[in-house]
Amino acid sequence: MTPFELIGYPIAAVITFVVLYYVVRGAILSALREHTRTSTTAVSLVTSKFHKADSDA
């Protein structure tokens, strides 16, 4: 193996791992953020309906 292979491959592997980590992490965080936003919207819609029903009575 040449010195380039000895040094280059591990560095390339580390860079690939770091990039993959951030891409996956970003996707998960984005999905969680989207999920929280939609579930809180649903909760607030339901609660506003209940409050409206209370005020109508």
PDB file of N, CA and C in Angstrom:
ATOM      1  N   MET A   1       0.843  -1.202   0.000  1.00  0.00           N
ATOM      2  CA  MET A   1       0.000   0.000   0.000  1.00  0.00           C
ATOM      3  C   MET A   1       0.877   1.251   0.000  1.00  0.00           C
ATOM      4  N   THR A   2       0.449   2.220  -0.754  1.00  0.00           N
ATOM      5  CA  THR A   2       1.192   3.478  -0.786  1.00  0.00           C
ATOM      6  C   THR A   2       0.829   4.310   0.441  1.00  0.00           C
ATOM      7  N   PRO A   3       1.675   5.272   0.786  1.00  0.00           N
ATOM      8  CA  PRO A   3       1.354   6.149   1.928  1.00  0.00           C
ATOM      9  C   PRO A   3       0.012   6.864   1.737  1.00  0.00           C
ATOM     10  N   PHE A   4      -0.299   7.192   0.480  1.00  0.00           N
ATOM     11  CA  PHE A   4      -1.584   7.854   0.221  1.00  0.00           C
ATOM     12  C   PHE A   4      -2.745   6.959   0.644  1.00  0.00           C
ATOM     13  N   GLU A   5      -2.651   5.678   0.305  1.00  0.00           N
ATOM     14  CA  GLU A   5      -3.717   4.740   0.672  1.00  0.00           C
ATOM     15  C   GLU A   5      -3.808   4.583   2.183  1.00  0.00           C
ATOM     16  N   LEU A   6      -2.638   4.530   2.840  1.00  0.00           N
ATOM     17  CA  LEU A   6      -2.628   4.356   4.299  1.00  0.00           C
ATOM     18  C   LEU A   6      -3.268   5.548   5.010  1.00  0.00           C
ATOM     19  N   ILE A   7      -3.054   6.745   4.466  1.00  0.00           N
ATOM     20  CA  ILE A   7      -3.584   7.952   5.109  1.00  0.00           C
ATOM     21  C   ILE A   7      -4.937   8.343   4.506  1.00  0.00           C
ATOM     22  N   GLY A   8      -5.048   8.218   3.193  1.00  0.00           N
ATOM     23  CA  GLY A   8      -6.236   8.693   2.485  1.00  0.00           C
ATOM     24  C   GLY A   8      -7.502   7.932   2.801  1.00  0.00           C
ATOM     25  N   TYR A   9      -7.415   6.599   2.827  1.00  0.00           N
ATOM     26  CA  TYR A   9      -8.624   5.809   3.061  1.00  0.00           C
ATOM     27  C   TYR A   9      -9.249   6.043   4.435  1.00  0.00           C
ATOM     28  N   PRO A  10      -8.464   6.017   5.508  1.00  0.00           N
ATOM     29  CA  PRO A  10      -9.081   6.305   6.819  1.00  0.00           C
ATOM     30  C   PRO A  10      -9.691   7.707   6.886  1.00  0.00           C
ATOM     31  N   ILE A  11      -9.004   8.695   6.302  1.00  0.00           N
ATOM     32  CA  ILE A  11      -9.534  10.064   6.310  1.00  0.00           C
ATOM     33  C   ILE A  11     -10.840  10.126   5.512  1.00  0.00           C
ATOM     34  N   ALA A  12     -10.856   9.481   4.352  1.00  0.00           N
ATOM     35  CA  ALA A  12     -12.067   9.447   3.530  1.00  0.00           C
ATOM     36  C   ALA A  12     -13.203   8.756   4.277  1.00  0.00           C
ATOM     37  N   ALA A  13     -12.875   7.686   4.993  1.00  0.00           N
ATOM     38  CA  ALA A  13     -13.894   6.959   5.761  1.00  0.00           C
ATOM     39  C   ALA A  13     -14.465   7.845   6.864  1.00  0.00           C
ATOM     40  N   VAL A  14     -13.597   8.567   7.556  1.00  0.00           N
ATOM     41  CA  VAL A  14     -14.046   9.448   8.640  1.00  0.00           C
ATOM     42  C   VAL A  14     -14.928  10.565   8.082  1.00  0.00           C
ATOM     43  N   ILE A  15     -14.504  11.180   6.987  1.00  0.00           N
ATOM     44  CA  ILE A  15     -15.290  12.259   6.376  1.00  0.00           C
ATOM     45  C   ILE A  15     -16.664  11.735   5.948  1.00  0.00           C
ATOM     46  N   THR A  16     -16.668  10.551   5.307  1.00  0.00           N
ATOM     47  CA  THR A  16     -17.936   9.949   4.883  1.00  0.00           C
ATOM     48  C   THR A  16     -18.844   9.706   6.074  1.00  0.00           C
ATOM     49  N   PHE A  17     -18.284   9.169   7.152  1.00  0.00           N
ATOM     50  CA  PHE A  17     -19.061   8.874   8.356  1.00  0.00           C
ATOM     51  C   PHE A  17     -19.652  10.151   8.946  1.00  0.00           C
ATOM     52  N   VAL A  18     -18.836  11.206   9.021  1.00  0.00           N
ATOM     53  CA  VAL A  18     -19.296  12.476   9.594  1.00  0.00           C
ATOM     54  C   VAL A  18     -20.419  13.068   8.740  1.00  0.00           C
ATOM     55  N   VAL A  19     -20.247  13.053   7.424  1.00  0.00           N
ATOM     56  CA  VAL A  19     -21.274  13.593   6.529  1.00  0.00           C
ATOM     57  C   VAL A  19     -22.568  12.798   6.671  1.00  0.00           C
ATOM     58  N   LEU A  20     -22.464  11.475   6.668  1.00  0.00           N
ATOM     59  CA  LEU A  20     -23.651  10.627   6.839  1.00  0.00           C
ATOM     60  C   LEU A  20     -24.338  10.913   8.166  1.00  0.00           C
ATOM     61  N   TYR A  21     -23.534  11.058   9.221  1.00  0.00           N
ATOM     62  CA  TYR A  21     -24.072  11.319  10.556  1.00  0.00           C
ATOM     63  C   TYR A  21     -24.908  12.598  10.556  1.00  0.00           C
ATOM     64  N   TYR A  22     -24.348  13.669   9.970  1.00  0.00           N
ATOM     65  CA  TYR A  22     -25.068  14.941   9.965  1.00  0.00           C
ATOM     66  C   TYR A  22     -26.305  14.900   9.074  1.00  0.00           C
ATOM     67  N   VAL A  23     -26.230  14.183   7.949  1.00  0.00           N
ATOM     68  CA  VAL A  23     -27.388  14.080   7.059  1.00  0.00           C
ATOM     69  C   VAL A  23     -28.518  13.325   7.758  1.00  0.00           C
ATOM     70  N   VAL A  24     -28.183  12.183   8.370  1.00  0.00           N
ATOM     71  CA  VAL A  24     -29.194  11.374   9.064  1.00  0.00           C
ATOM     72  C   VAL A  24     -29.746  12.146  10.255  1.00  0.00           C
ATOM     73  N   ARG A  25     -28.860  12.788  11.015  1.00  0.00           N
ATOM     74  CA  ARG A  25     -29.277  13.557  12.191  1.00  0.00           C
ATOM     75  C   ARG A  25     -30.208  14.696  11.777  1.00  0.00           C
ATOM     76  N   GLY A  26     -29.850  15.384  10.706  1.00  0.00           N
ATOM     77  CA  GLY A  26     -30.682  16.474  10.207  1.00  0.00           C
ATOM     78  C   GLY A  26     -32.049  15.981   9.773  1.00  0.00           C
ATOM     79  N   ALA A  27     -32.082  14.839   9.102  1.00  0.00           N
ATOM     80  CA  ALA A  27     -33.359  14.279   8.648  1.00  0.00           C
ATOM     81  C   ALA A  27     -34.237  13.902   9.832  1.00  0.00           C
ATOM     82  N   ILE A  28     -33.637  13.289  10.851  1.00  0.00           N
ATOM     83  CA  ILE A  28     -34.395  12.875  12.038  1.00  0.00           C
ATOM     84  C   ILE A  28     -34.926  14.102  12.775  1.00  0.00           C
ATOM     85  N   LEU A  29     -34.062  15.093  12.981  1.00  0.00           N
ATOM     86  CA  LEU A  29     -34.490  16.305  13.691  1.00  0.00           C
ATOM     87  C   LEU A  29     -35.594  17.024  12.922  1.00  0.00           C
ATOM     88  N   SER A  30     -35.452  17.076  11.611  1.00  0.00           N
ATOM     89  CA  SER A  30     -36.461  17.729  10.780  1.00  0.00           C
ATOM     90  C   SER A  30     -37.791  16.989  10.880  1.00  0.00           C
ATOM     91  N   ALA A  31     -37.732  15.666  10.834  1.00  0.00           N
ATOM     92  CA  ALA A  31     -38.960  14.868  10.934  1.00  0.00           C
ATOM     93  C   ALA A  31     -39.605  15.045  12.302  1.00  0.00           C
ATOM     94  N   LEU A  32     -38.792  15.077  13.345  1.00  0.00           N
ATOM     95  CA  LEU A  32     -39.322  15.266  14.697  1.00  0.00           C
ATOM     96  C   LEU A  32     -39.960  16.642  14.835  1.00  0.00           C
ATOM     97  N   ARG A  33     -39.278  17.660  14.287  1.00  0.00           N
ATOM     98  CA  ARG A  33     -39.798  19.021  14.358  1.00  0.00           C
ATOM     99  C   ARG A  33     -41.146  19.092  13.640  1.00  0.00           C
ATOM    100  N   GLU A  34     -41.223  18.476  12.468  1.00  0.00           N
ATOM    101  CA  GLU A  34     -42.459  18.450  11.689  1.00  0.00           C
ATOM    102  C   GLU A  34     -43.551  17.722  12.471  1.00  0.00           C
ATOM    103  N   HIS A  35     -43.203  16.612  13.080  1.00  0.00           N
ATOM    104  CA  HIS A  35     -44.159  15.810  13.851  1.00  0.00           C
ATOM    105  C   HIS A  35     -44.691  16.608  15.040  1.00  0.00           C
ATOM    106  N   THR A  36     -43.793  17.290  15.748  1.00  0.00           N
ATOM    107  CA  THR A  36     -44.217  18.062  16.924  1.00  0.00           C
ATOM    108  C   THR A  36     -45.121  19.205  16.493  1.00  0.00           C
ATOM    109  N   ARG A  37     -44.772  19.847  15.374  1.00  0.00           N
ATOM    110  CA  ARG A  37     -45.566  20.979  14.913  1.00  0.00           C
ATOM    111  C   ARG A  37     -46.976  20.518  14.563  1.00  0.00           C
ATOM    112  N   THR A  38     -47.100  19.405  13.844  1.00  0.00           N
ATOM    113  CA  THR A  38     -48.423  18.940  13.430  1.00  0.00           C
ATOM    114  C   THR A  38     -49.219  18.435  14.623  1.00  0.00           C
ATOM    115  N   SER A  39     -48.574  17.749  15.565  1.00  0.00           N
ATOM    116  CA  SER A  39     -49.337  17.232  16.705  1.00  0.00           C
ATOM    117  C   SER A  39     -49.793  18.368  17.621  1.00  0.00           C
ATOM    118  N   THR A  40     -48.976  19.410  17.797  1.00  0.00           N
ATOM    119  CA  THR A  40     -49.411  20.534  18.639  1.00  0.00           C
ATOM    120  C   THR A  40     -50.533  21.296  17.945  1.00  0.00           C
ATOM    121  N   THR A  41     -50.473  21.388  16.618  1.00  0.00           N
ATOM    122  CA  THR A  41     -51.556  22.045  15.878  1.00  0.00           C
ATOM    123  C   THR A  41     -52.853  21.274  16.090  1.00  0.00           C
ATOM    124  N   ALA A  42     -52.771  19.953  15.996  1.00  0.00           N
ATOM    125  CA  ALA A  42     -53.962  19.122  16.195  1.00  0.00           C
ATOM    126  C   ALA A  42     -54.514  19.320  17.603  1.00  0.00           C
ATOM    127  N   VAL A  43     -53.636  19.346  18.588  1.00  0.00           N
ATOM    128  CA  VAL A  43     -54.065  19.525  19.981  1.00  0.00           C
ATOM    129  C   VAL A  43     -54.729  20.886  20.150  1.00  0.00           C
ATOM    130  N   SER A  44     -54.139  21.936  19.587  1.00  0.00           N
ATOM    131  CA  SER A  44     -54.712  23.272  19.758  1.00  0.00           C
ATOM    132  C   SER A  44     -56.056  23.382  19.038  1.00  0.00           C
ATOM    133  N   LEU A  45     -56.212  22.696  17.903  1.00  0.00           N
ATOM    134  CA  LEU A  45     -57.497  22.712  17.208  1.00  0.00           C
ATOM    135  C   LEU A  45     -58.576  22.045  18.054  1.00  0.00           C
ATOM    136  N   VAL A  46     -58.228  20.906  18.640  1.00  0.00           N
ATOM    137  CA  VAL A  46     -59.186  20.168  19.477  1.00  0.00           C
ATOM    138  C   VAL A  46     -59.555  20.998  20.693  1.00  0.00           C
ATOM    139  N   THR A  47     -58.563  21.605  21.348  1.00  0.00           N
ATOM    140  CA  THR A  47     -58.846  22.391  22.559  1.00  0.00           C
ATOM    141  C   THR A  47     -59.695  23.607  22.215  1.00  0.00           C
ATOM    142  N   SER A  48     -59.437  24.254  21.094  1.00  0.00           N
ATOM    143  CA  SER A  48     -60.235  25.430  20.746  1.00  0.00           C
ATOM    144  C   SER A  48     -61.682  25.016  20.480  1.00  0.00           C
ATOM    145  N   LYS A  49     -61.893  23.827  19.918  1.00  0.00           N
ATOM    146  CA  LYS A  49     -63.261  23.336  19.700  1.00  0.00           C
ATOM    147  C   LYS A  49     -63.966  23.142  21.039  1.00  0.00           C
ATOM    148  N   PHE A  50     -63.239  22.581  22.027  1.00  0.00           N
ATOM    149  CA  PHE A  50     -63.828  22.357  23.346  1.00  0.00           C
ATOM    150  C   PHE A  50     -64.186  23.688  24.008  1.00  0.00           C
ATOM    151  N   HIS A  51     -63.289  24.660  23.899  1.00  0.00           N
ATOM    152  CA  HIS A  51     -63.548  25.964  24.514  1.00  0.00           C
ATOM    153  C   HIS A  51     -64.741  26.649  23.842  1.00  0.00           C
ATOM    154  N   LYS A  52     -64.844  26.473  22.527  1.00  0.00           N
ATOM    155  CA  LYS A  52     -65.968  27.052  21.793  1.00  0.00           C
ATOM    156  C   LYS A  52     -67.264  26.395  22.261  1.00  0.00           C
ATOM    157  N   ALA A  53     -67.234  25.088  22.446  1.00  0.00           N
ATOM    158  CA  ALA A  53     -68.422  24.361  22.910  1.00  0.00           C
ATOM    159  C   ALA A  53     -68.817  24.844  24.308  1.00  0.00           C
ATOM    160  N   ASP A  54     -67.828  25.106  25.158  1.00  0.00           N
ATOM    161  CA  ASP A  54     -68.108  25.604  26.509  1.00  0.00           C
ATOM    162  C   ASP A  54     -68.775  26.977  26.458  1.00  0.00           C
ATOM    163  N   SER A  55     -68.287  27.841  25.575  1.00  0.00           N
ATOM    164  CA  SER A  55     -68.824  29.197  25.532  1.00  0.00           C
ATOM    165  C   SER A  55     -70.216  29.217  24.902  1.00  0.00           C
ATOM    166  N   ASP A  56     -70.513  28.249  24.032  1.00  0.00           N
ATOM    167  CA  ASP A  56     -71.840  28.177  23.415  1.00  0.00           C
ATOM    168  C   ASP A  56     -72.901  27.749  24.425  1.00  0.00           C
ATOM    169  N   ALA A  57     -72.507  26.960  25.401  1.00  0.00           N
ATOM    170  CA  ALA A  57     -73.481  26.375  26.339  1.00  0.00           C
ATOM    171  C   ALA A  57     -74.024  27.389  27.329  1.00  0.00           C
TER     172      ALA A  57
END
